[in-house]
C-alpha atoms as a PDB file:
ATOM      1  CA  UNK A   1      84.105  90.643  75.017  1.00  0.00           C
ATOM      2  CA  UNK A   2      85.818  89.319  71.894  1.00  0.00           C
ATOM      3  CA  UNK A   3      84.154  89.502  68.458  1.00  0.00           C
ATOM      4  CA  UNK A   4      84.404  85.751  67.801  1.00  0.00           C
ATOM      5  CA  UNK A   5      85.801  82.535  69.200  1.00  0.00           C
ATOM      6  CA  UNK A   6      89.180  80.935  68.568  1.00  0.00           C
ATOM      7  CA  UNK A   7      90.598  77.847  70.169  1.00  0.00           C
ATOM      8  CA  UNK A   8      93.942  77.730  72.012  1.00  0.00           C
ATOM      9  CA  UNK A   9      93.902  81.393  73.000  1.00  0.00           C
ATOM     10  CA  UNK A  10      95.633  81.933  76.372  1.00  0.00           C
ATOM     11  CA  UNK A  11      93.447  83.166  79.188  1.00  0.00           C
ATOM     12  CA  UNK A  12      93.798  86.841  79.982  1.00  0.00           C
ATOM     13  CA  UNK A  13      93.009  87.948  83.498  1.00  0.00           C
ATOM     14  CA  UNK A  14      90.034  90.323  83.506  1.00  0.00           C
ATOM     15  CA  UNK A  15      90.063  93.796  85.032  1.00  0.00           C
ATOM     16  CA  UNK A  16      90.590  94.741  87.771  1.00  0.00           C
ATOM     17  CA  UNK A  17      93.911  92.943  87.420  1.00  0.00           C
ATOM     18  CA  UNK A  18      96.738  92.405  89.851  1.00  0.00           C
ATOM     19  CA  UNK A  19      98.758  90.590  87.169  1.00  0.00           C
ATOM     20  CA  UNK A  20      98.835  90.905  83.393  1.00  0.00           C
ATOM     21  CA  UNK A  21      98.951  94.661  83.836  1.00  0.00           C
ATOM     22  CA  UNK A  22      99.427  97.018  80.903  1.00  0.00           C
ATOM     23  CA  UNK A  23     100.742 100.442  81.944  1.00  0.00           C
ATOM     24  CA  UNK A  24     100.545 103.164  79.310  1.00  0.00           C
ATOM     25  CA  UNK A  25     102.351 106.460  79.009  1.00  0.00           C
ATOM     26  CA  UNK A  26     100.310 109.591  78.267  1.00  0.00           C
ATOM     27  CA  UNK A  27     102.893 112.006  76.936  1.00  0.00           C
ATOM     28  CA  UNK A  28     100.467 114.779  76.052  1.00  0.00           C
ATOM     29  CA  UNK A  29      97.254 113.455  74.574  1.00  0.00           C
ATOM     30  CA  UNK A  30      94.447 115.945  74.013  1.00  0.00           C
ATOM     31  CA  UNK A  31      91.101 115.341  75.764  1.00  0.00           C
ATOM     32  CA  UNK A  32      89.590 114.091  72.513  1.00  0.00           C
ATOM     33  CA  UNK A  33      92.591 111.774  71.946  1.00  0.00           C
ATOM     34  CA  UNK A  34      92.241 110.414  75.474  1.00  0.00           C
ATOM     35  CA  UNK A  35      88.518 109.744  74.888  1.00  0.00           C
ATOM     36  CA  UNK A  36      89.234 108.001  71.581  1.00  0.00           C
ATOM     37  CA  UNK A  37      92.061 106.009  73.152  1.00  0.00           C
ATOM     38  CA  UNK A  38      89.861 104.773  75.991  1.00  0.00           C
ATOM     39  CA  UNK A  39      87.007 103.878  73.616  1.00  0.00           C
ATOM     40  CA  UNK A  40      89.293 101.518  71.690  1.00  0.00           C
ATOM     41  CA  UNK A  41      91.795 100.285  74.282  1.00  0.00           C
ATOM     42  CA  UNK A  42      90.239 100.905  77.711  1.00  0.00           C
ATOM     43  CA  UNK A  43      89.518  97.216  78.421  1.00  0.00           C
ATOM     44  CA  UNK A  44      93.220  96.387  78.052  1.00  0.00           C
ATOM     45  CA  UNK A  45      94.721  99.288  80.052  1.00  0.00           C
ATOM     46  CA  UNK A  46      95.178  99.144  83.813  1.00  0.00           C
ATOM     47  CA  UNK A  47      97.340 102.173  84.528  1.00  0.00           C
ATOM     48  CA  UNK A  48      98.073 105.438  82.739  1.00  0.00           C
ATOM     49  CA  UNK A  49     101.155 107.358  83.714  1.00  0.00           C
ATOM     50  CA  UNK A  50     101.416 111.052  82.888  1.00  0.00           C
ATOM     51  CA  UNK A  51     104.973 110.788  81.655  1.00  0.00           C
ATOM     52  CA  UNK A  52     107.803 112.796  83.252  1.00  0.00           C
ATOM     53  CA  UNK A  53     106.669 116.385  83.771  1.00  0.00           C
ATOM     54  CA  UNK A  54     103.876 116.534  81.178  1.00  0.00           C
ATOM     55  CA  UNK A  55     101.245 117.093  83.862  1.00  0.00           C
ATOM     56  CA  UNK A  56     102.909 120.427  84.728  1.00  0.00           C
ATOM     57  CA  UNK A  57     102.591 121.820  81.200  1.00  0.00           C
ATOM     58  CA  UNK A  58      99.124 120.468  80.297  1.00  0.00           C
ATOM     59  CA  UNK A  59      97.370 121.898  83.346  1.00  0.00           C
ATOM     60  CA  UNK A  60      94.176 122.962  81.578  1.00  0.00           C
ATOM     61  CA  UNK A  61      93.560 119.396  80.361  1.00  0.00           C
ATOM     62  CA  UNK A  62      94.735 117.456  83.362  1.00  0.00           C
ATOM     63  CA  UNK A  63      91.536 117.254  85.389  1.00  0.00           C
ATOM     64  CA  UNK A  64      89.479 116.325  82.337  1.00  0.00           C
ATOM     65  CA  UNK A  65      91.873 113.535  81.357  1.00  0.00           C
ATOM     66  CA  UNK A  66      92.035 112.164  84.875  1.00  0.00           C
ATOM     67  CA  UNK A  67      88.246 111.875  84.854  1.00  0.00           C
ATOM     68  CA  UNK A  68      88.238 110.146  81.460  1.00  0.00           C
ATOM     69  CA  UNK A  69      90.673 107.470  82.709  1.00  0.00           C
ATOM     70  CA  UNK A  70      89.168 106.934  86.128  1.00  0.00           C
ATOM     71  CA  UNK A  71      85.664 106.658  84.672  1.00  0.00           C
ATOM     72  CA  UNK A  72      87.072 103.839  82.503  1.00  0.00           C
ATOM     73  CA  UNK A  73      88.380 102.044  85.610  1.00  0.00           C
ATOM     74  CA  UNK A  74      91.975 102.969  84.704  1.00  0.00           C
ATOM     75  CA  UNK A  75      94.359 104.013  87.489  1.00  0.00           C
ATOM     76  CA  UNK A  76      96.299 107.186  86.893  1.00  0.00           C
ATOM     77  CA  UNK A  77      99.488 108.583  88.380  1.00  0.00           C
ATOM     78  CA  UNK A  78     102.228 111.111  87.817  1.00  0.00           C
ATOM     79  CA  UNK A  79     105.553 109.924  86.454  1.00  0.00           C
ATOM     80  CA  UNK A  80     108.439 109.352  88.861  1.00  0.00           C
ATOM     81  CA  UNK A  81     110.432 112.191  87.323  1.00  0.00           C
ATOM     82  CA  UNK A  82     107.839 114.651  88.637  1.00  0.00           C
ATOM     83  CA  UNK A  83     108.206 113.148  92.138  1.00  0.00           C
ATOM     84  CA  UNK A  84     111.972 113.641  91.821  1.00  0.00           C
ATOM     85  CA  UNK A  85     111.493 117.233  90.632  1.00  0.00           C
ATOM     86  CA  UNK A  86     109.583 118.026  93.862  1.00  0.00           C
ATOM     87  CA  UNK A  87     112.084 116.137  96.073  1.00  0.00           C
ATOM     88  CA  UNK A  88     115.197 117.806  94.623  1.00  0.00           C
ATOM     89  CA  UNK A  89     113.554 121.200  95.343  1.00  0.00           C
ATOM     90  CA  UNK A  90     112.658 120.175  98.901  1.00  0.00           C
ATOM     91  CA  UNK A  91     108.931 120.322  98.111  1.00  0.00           C
ATOM     92  CA  UNK A  92     107.629 116.981  99.364  1.00  0.00           C
ATOM     93  CA  UNK A  93     104.733 118.567 101.257  1.00  0.00           C
ATOM     94  CA  UNK A  94     103.741 120.405  98.106  1.00  0.00           C
ATOM     95  CA  UNK A  95     103.799 117.107  96.242  1.00  0.00           C
ATOM     96  CA  UNK A  96     101.416 115.619  98.810  1.00  0.00           C
ATOM     97  CA  UNK A  97      99.103 118.579  98.307  1.00  0.00           C
ATOM     98  CA  UNK A  98      99.227 117.966  94.573  1.00  0.00           C
ATOM     99  CA  UNK A  99      98.298 114.302  94.969  1.00  0.00           C
ATOM    100  CA  UNK A 100      95.383 115.237  97.217  1.00  0.00           C
ATOM    101  CA  UNK A 101      94.203 118.008  94.873  1.00  0.00           C
ATOM    102  CA  UNK A 102      93.846 115.580  91.988  1.00  0.00           C
ATOM    103  CA  UNK A 103      92.563 112.711  94.230  1.00  0.00           C
ATOM    104  CA  UNK A 104      95.346 110.426  93.147  1.00  0.00           C
ATOM    105  CA  UNK A 105      95.175 106.796  94.310  1.00  0.00           C
ATOM    106  CA  UNK A 106      98.556 105.783  92.891  1.00  0.00           C
ATOM    107  CA  UNK A 107     102.009 107.348  93.228  1.00  0.00           C
ATOM    108  CA  UNK A 108     105.392 106.509  91.742  1.00  0.00           C
ATOM    109  CA  UNK A 109     108.600 106.810  93.725  1.00  0.00           C
ATOM    110  CA  UNK A 110     111.809 106.809  91.708  1.00  0.00           C
ATOM    111  CA  UNK A 111     115.406 107.994  91.785  1.00  0.00           C
ATOM    112  CA  UNK A 112     116.376 107.579  88.168  1.00  0.00           C
ATOM    113  CA  UNK A 113     117.409 111.226  87.646  1.00  0.00           C
ATOM    114  CA  UNK A 114     118.652 112.211  91.098  1.00  0.00           C
ATOM    115  CA  UNK A 115     121.036 110.802  93.663  1.00  0.00           C
ATOM    116  CA  UNK A 116     119.072 109.635  96.702  1.00  0.00           C
ATOM    117  CA  UNK A 117     120.267 107.371  99.554  1.00  0.00           C
ATOM    118  CA  UNK A 118     118.240 104.172  99.288  1.00  0.00           C
ATOM    119  CA  UNK A 119     117.094 104.263 102.900  1.00  0.00           C
ATOM    120  CA  UNK A 120     115.603 107.711 102.244  1.00  0.00           C
ATOM    121  CA  UNK A 121     113.833 106.417  99.149  1.00  0.00           C
ATOM    122  CA  UNK A 122     112.389 103.544 101.210  1.00  0.00           C
ATOM    123  CA  UNK A 123     111.214 106.066 103.823  1.00  0.00           C
ATOM    124  CA  UNK A 124     109.268 107.911 101.108  1.00  0.00           C
ATOM    125  CA  UNK A 125     107.756 104.595  99.982  1.00  0.00           C
ATOM    126  CA  UNK A 126     106.664 103.714 103.504  1.00  0.00           C
ATOM    127  CA  UNK A 127     105.232 107.134 104.149  1.00  0.00           C
ATOM    128  CA  UNK A 128     103.321 107.320 100.887  1.00  0.00           C
ATOM    129  CA  UNK A 129     102.089 103.687 101.124  1.00  0.00           C
ATOM    130  CA  UNK A 130      99.959 104.663 104.115  1.00  0.00           C
ATOM    131  CA  UNK A 131      97.681 106.771 101.862  1.00  0.00           C
ATOM    132  CA  UNK A 132      98.446 105.664  98.308  1.00  0.00           C
ATOM    133  CA  UNK A 133      99.240 102.576  96.204  1.00  0.00           C
ATOM    134  CA  UNK A 134     102.941 102.939  95.552  1.00  0.00           C
ATOM    135  CA  UNK A 135     104.814 101.900  92.469  1.00  0.00           C
ATOM    136  CA  UNK A 136     108.578 102.191  92.973  1.00  0.00           C
ATOM    137  CA  UNK A 137     110.987 102.309  90.056  1.00  0.00           C
ATOM    138  CA  UNK A 138     114.382 100.588  90.187  1.00  0.00           C
ATOM    139  CA  UNK A 139     117.165 101.490  87.787  1.00  0.00           C
ATOM    140  CA  UNK A 140     118.865 104.589  86.442  1.00  0.00           C
ATOM    141  CA  UNK A 141     118.040 106.709  83.435  1.00  0.00           C
ATOM    142  CA  UNK A 142     121.800 107.194  82.908  1.00  0.00           C
ATOM    143  CA  UNK A 143     122.786 104.965  79.991  1.00  0.00           C
ATOM    144  CA  UNK A 144     126.351 104.729  81.395  1.00  0.00           C
ATOM    145  CA  UNK A 145     125.234 103.445  84.805  1.00  0.00           C
ATOM    146  CA  UNK A 146     125.198  99.653  84.952  1.00  0.00           C
ATOM    147  CA  UNK A 147     123.663  98.139  88.076  1.00  0.00           C
ATOM    148  CA  UNK A 148     124.740  94.561  88.771  1.00  0.00           C
ATOM    149  CA  UNK A 149     122.018  91.882  89.161  1.00  0.00           C
ATOM    150  CA  UNK A 150     122.550  91.353  92.919  1.00  0.00           C
ATOM    151  CA  UNK A 151     121.929  95.067  93.489  1.00  0.00           C
ATOM    152  CA  UNK A 152     118.734  95.100  91.368  1.00  0.00           C
ATOM    153  CA  UNK A 153     117.474  92.197  93.496  1.00  0.00           C
ATOM    154  CA  UNK A 154     118.454  93.864  96.791  1.00  0.00           C
ATOM    155  CA  UNK A 155     116.822  97.178  95.833  1.00  0.00           C
ATOM    156  CA  UNK A 156     113.620  95.489  94.676  1.00  0.00           C
ATOM    157  CA  UNK A 157     113.368  93.418  97.866  1.00  0.00           C
ATOM    158  CA  UNK A 158     113.843  96.425 100.082  1.00  0.00           C
ATOM    159  CA  UNK A 159     111.354  98.564  98.214  1.00  0.00           C
ATOM    160  CA  UNK A 160     108.697  95.876  98.317  1.00  0.00           C
ATOM    161  CA  UNK A 161     109.304  95.434 102.006  1.00  0.00           C
ATOM    162  CA  UNK A 162     109.004  99.182 102.448  1.00  0.00           C
ATOM    163  CA  UNK A 163     105.474  99.058 101.058  1.00  0.00           C
ATOM    164  CA  UNK A 164     105.618  99.193  97.289  1.00  0.00           C
ATOM    165  CA  UNK A 165     102.723  97.414  95.558  1.00  0.00           C
ATOM    166  CA  UNK A 166     104.843  96.812  92.438  1.00  0.00           C
ATOM    167  CA  UNK A 167     108.406  97.553  91.469  1.00  0.00           C
ATOM    168  CA  UNK A 168     109.025  98.947  87.997  1.00  0.00           C
ATOM    169  CA  UNK A 169     112.126  97.837  86.090  1.00  0.00           C
ATOM    170  CA  UNK A 170     113.464 101.011  84.460  1.00  0.00           C
ATOM    171  CA  UNK A 171     113.825 101.231  80.700  1.00  0.00           C
ATOM    172  CA  UNK A 172     112.723 104.815  79.919  1.00  0.00           C
ATOM    173  CA  UNK A 173     110.171 105.494  77.177  1.00  0.00           C
ATOM    174  CA  UNK A 174     112.678 104.499  74.512  1.00  0.00           C
ATOM    175  CA  UNK A 175     113.599 101.104  76.026  1.00  0.00           C
ATOM    176  CA  UNK A 176     117.375 101.647  75.934  1.00  0.00           C
ATOM    177  CA  UNK A 177     118.549 101.696  79.557  1.00  0.00           C
ATOM    178  CA  UNK A 178     118.097  99.620  82.689  1.00  0.00           C
ATOM    179  CA  UNK A 179     117.141  96.049  81.823  1.00  0.00           C
ATOM    180  CA  UNK A 180     118.025  96.788  78.171  1.00  0.00           C
ATOM    181  CA  UNK A 181     121.230  97.636  76.378  1.00  0.00           C
ATOM    182  CA  UNK A 182     121.524 100.916  74.488  1.00  0.00           C
ATOM    183  CA  UNK A 183     120.506  98.966  71.346  1.00  0.00           C
ATOM    184  CA  UNK A 184     117.234  97.898  72.973  1.00  0.00           C
ATOM    185  CA  UNK A 185     118.434  94.319  73.368  1.00  0.00           C
ATOM    186  CA  UNK A 186     117.277  92.643  76.580  1.00  0.00           C
ATOM    187  CA  UNK A 187     119.919  92.010  79.262  1.00  0.00           C
ATOM    188  CA  UNK A 188     118.640  88.407  79.520  1.00  0.00           C
ATOM    189  CA  UNK A 189     120.983  87.286  82.258  1.00  0.00           C
ATOM    190  CA  UNK A 190     119.919  90.198  84.431  1.00  0.00           C
ATOM    191  CA  UNK A 191     116.208  89.625  83.860  1.00  0.00           C
ATOM    192  CA  UNK A 192     116.363  85.915  84.536  1.00  0.00           C
ATOM    193  CA  UNK A 193     118.477  86.369  87.653  1.00  0.00           C
ATOM    194  CA  UNK A 194     115.992  88.898  89.015  1.00  0.00           C
ATOM    195  CA  UNK A 195     113.179  86.366  88.486  1.00  0.00           C
ATOM    196  CA  UNK A 196     115.001  83.761  90.586  1.00  0.00           C
ATOM    197  CA  UNK A 197     114.627  86.020  93.615  1.00  0.00           C
ATOM    198  CA  UNK A 198     111.621  88.335  92.977  1.00  0.00           C
ATOM    199  CA  UNK A 199     108.055  87.169  92.314  1.00  0.00           C
ATOM    200  CA  UNK A 200     107.322  88.135  88.699  1.00  0.00           C
ATOM    201  CA  UNK A 201     103.837  89.276  89.680  1.00  0.00           C
ATOM    202  CA  UNK A 202     105.437  92.094  91.684  1.00  0.00           C
ATOM    203  CA  UNK A 203     107.405  93.457  88.752  1.00  0.00           C
ATOM    204  CA  UNK A 204     106.239  95.770  85.929  1.00  0.00           C
ATOM    205  CA  UNK A 205     108.796  95.533  83.101  1.00  0.00           C
ATOM    206  CA  UNK A 206     109.063  98.720  81.094  1.00  0.00           C
ATOM    207  CA  UNK A 207     109.062  97.400  77.543  1.00  0.00           C
ATOM    208  CA  UNK A 208     108.090  99.970  74.912  1.00  0.00           C
ATOM    209  CA  UNK A 209     109.470  98.052  71.915  1.00  0.00           C
ATOM    210  CA  UNK A 210     107.678  95.135  70.242  1.00  0.00           C
ATOM    211  CA  UNK A 211     110.705  92.817  70.454  1.00  0.00           C
ATOM    212  CA  UNK A 212     110.985  93.536  74.182  1.00  0.00           C
ATOM    213  CA  UNK A 213     107.289  92.836  74.748  1.00  0.00           C
ATOM    214  CA  UNK A 214     107.613  89.574  72.829  1.00  0.00           C
ATOM    215  CA  UNK A 215     110.580  88.525  74.934  1.00  0.00           C
ATOM    216  CA  UNK A 216     108.734  88.976  78.230  1.00  0.00           C
ATOM    217  CA  UNK A 217     105.518  87.284  76.996  1.00  0.00           C
ATOM    218  CA  UNK A 218     107.561  84.238  75.951  1.00  0.00           C
ATOM    219  CA  UNK A 219     109.656  84.286  79.103  1.00  0.00           C
ATOM    220  CA  UNK A 220     106.796  84.635  81.589  1.00  0.00           C
ATOM    221  CA  UNK A 221     103.401  84.219  79.906  1.00  0.00           C
ATOM    222  CA  UNK A 222     100.510  86.196  78.432  1.00  0.00           C
ATOM    223  CA  UNK A 223      99.843  87.823  81.797  1.00  0.00           C
ATOM    224  CA  UNK A 224     103.239  89.421  82.364  1.00  0.00           C
ATOM    225  CA  UNK A 225     103.146  92.987  83.645  1.00  0.00           C
ATOM    226  CA  UNK A 226     104.346  95.439  81.016  1.00  0.00           C
ATOM    227  CA  UNK A 227     104.824  99.206  81.150  1.00  0.00           C
ATOM    228  CA  UNK A 228     105.698 102.334  79.160  1.00  0.00           C
ATOM    229  CA  UNK A 229     103.418 101.129  76.350  1.00  0.00           C
ATOM    230  CA  UNK A 230     102.535 103.761  73.777  1.00  0.00           C
ATOM    231  CA  UNK A 231      98.831 104.557  73.433  1.00  0.00           C
ATOM    232  CA  UNK A 232      98.729 103.286  69.841  1.00  0.00           C
ATOM    233  CA  UNK A 233     100.549 100.069  70.776  1.00  0.00           C
ATOM    234  CA  UNK A 234      97.986  98.734  73.329  1.00  0.00           C
ATOM    235  CA  UNK A 235      95.898  96.751  70.828  1.00  0.00           C
ATOM    236  CA  UNK A 236      98.981  95.416  69.043  1.00  0.00           C
ATOM    237  CA  UNK A 237     100.405  94.378  72.432  1.00  0.00           C
ATOM    238  CA  UNK A 238      97.166  92.519  73.283  1.00  0.00           C
ATOM    239  CA  UNK A 239      97.433  90.559  70.063  1.00  0.00           C
ATOM    240  CA  UNK A 240     100.991  89.628  71.073  1.00  0.00           C
ATOM    241  CA  UNK A 241      99.728  88.484  74.448  1.00  0.00           C
ATOM    242  CA  UNK A 242      97.156  86.086  72.913  1.00  0.00           C
ATOM    243  CA  UNK A 243      99.222  84.774  69.998  1.00  0.00           C
ATOM    244  CA  UNK A 244      97.511  86.684  67.180  1.00  0.00           C
ATOM    245  CA  UNK A 245     100.610  88.399  65.827  1.00  0.00           C
ATOM    246  CA  UNK A 246     103.400  86.675  63.938  1.00  0.00           C
ATOM    247  CA  UNK A 247     105.922  87.166  66.755  1.00  0.00           C
ATOM    248  CA  UNK A 248     103.950  84.943  69.174  1.00  0.00           C
ATOM    249  CA  UNK A 249     101.698  83.173  66.656  1.00  0.00           C
ATOM    250  CA  UNK A 250     102.952  79.641  67.322  1.00  0.00           C
ATOM    251  CA  UNK A 251     103.882  80.126  70.934  1.00  0.00           C
ATOM    252  CA  UNK A 252     100.496  79.213  72.440  1.00  0.00           C
ATOM    253  CA  UNK A 253      99.594  76.519  69.911  1.00  0.00           C
ATOM    254  CA  UNK A 254     101.668  73.769  71.518  1.00  0.00           C
ATOM    255  CA  UNK A 255     104.634  71.869  70.209  1.00  0.00           C
ATOM    256  CA  UNK A 256     104.338  70.482  66.734  1.00  0.00           C
ATOM    257  CA  UNK A 257     101.240  72.503  65.909  1.00  0.00           C
ATOM    258  CA  UNK A 258     101.110  73.404  62.225  1.00  0.00           C
ATOM    259  CA  UNK A 259      98.675  73.843  59.431  1.00  0.00           C
ATOM    260  CA  UNK A 260      98.388  70.917  57.048  1.00  0.00           C
ATOM    261  CA  UNK A 261      96.477  71.565  53.856  1.00  0.00           C
ATOM    262  CA  UNK A 262      93.801  68.991  53.180  1.00  0.00           C
ATOM    263  CA  UNK A 263      93.652  67.424  49.779  1.00  0.00           C
ATOM    264  CA  UNK A 264      90.485  68.141  47.857  1.00  0.00           C
END
């Protein structure tokens, strides 16, 4: 519920959403911080990812935070790097036990830090999709590794076919790899080519920087799926989505819209 009415505000899909998703990274919030975060931003958050291996080193808080998020109708899952940490140690069954212990509904499958044959990755996606909602991440965390557009498209198609609910376009928490250059600039040709072949509703674009978020909102619309959003950026992102921040202020007003001062 908004505090007041404004005309020409783009419609935002209400929760539970399949599109217009905001995925947030929890990189080590305290229980109190998680409670405060949900009280302010919960309506705008669909997924919370416990980034990389943070869930391993915040064990005393983990169950409490999971409950805070799930009680607020926010899906939670462990970051793909943790999945990779189990796989590289040949502990997949232990990972399944971990997911069951914390009653996880979502799981991320990625290969951004390890070398994994793609058919093996797809096998993990298929196996996990029988019990969990799978998000699969495409792209490398290696800043030197450039994946051509045709390969991004091929990998995304195969992972969706294997059973992924959404594919995540890699950018890391800094937004300087994958679909972005090291400077944070969007690889526009890559993004637009991907969208010619992959339904945008099936992609979550990791976009931690304001300029990146603005780009995708203008390219797609207010209900584009965005991920790796910092906890204190959720409300600012929502204002970007509805044209109440300077970066998108005129975007939803229509062509030629401008303020004309009336003579007294």
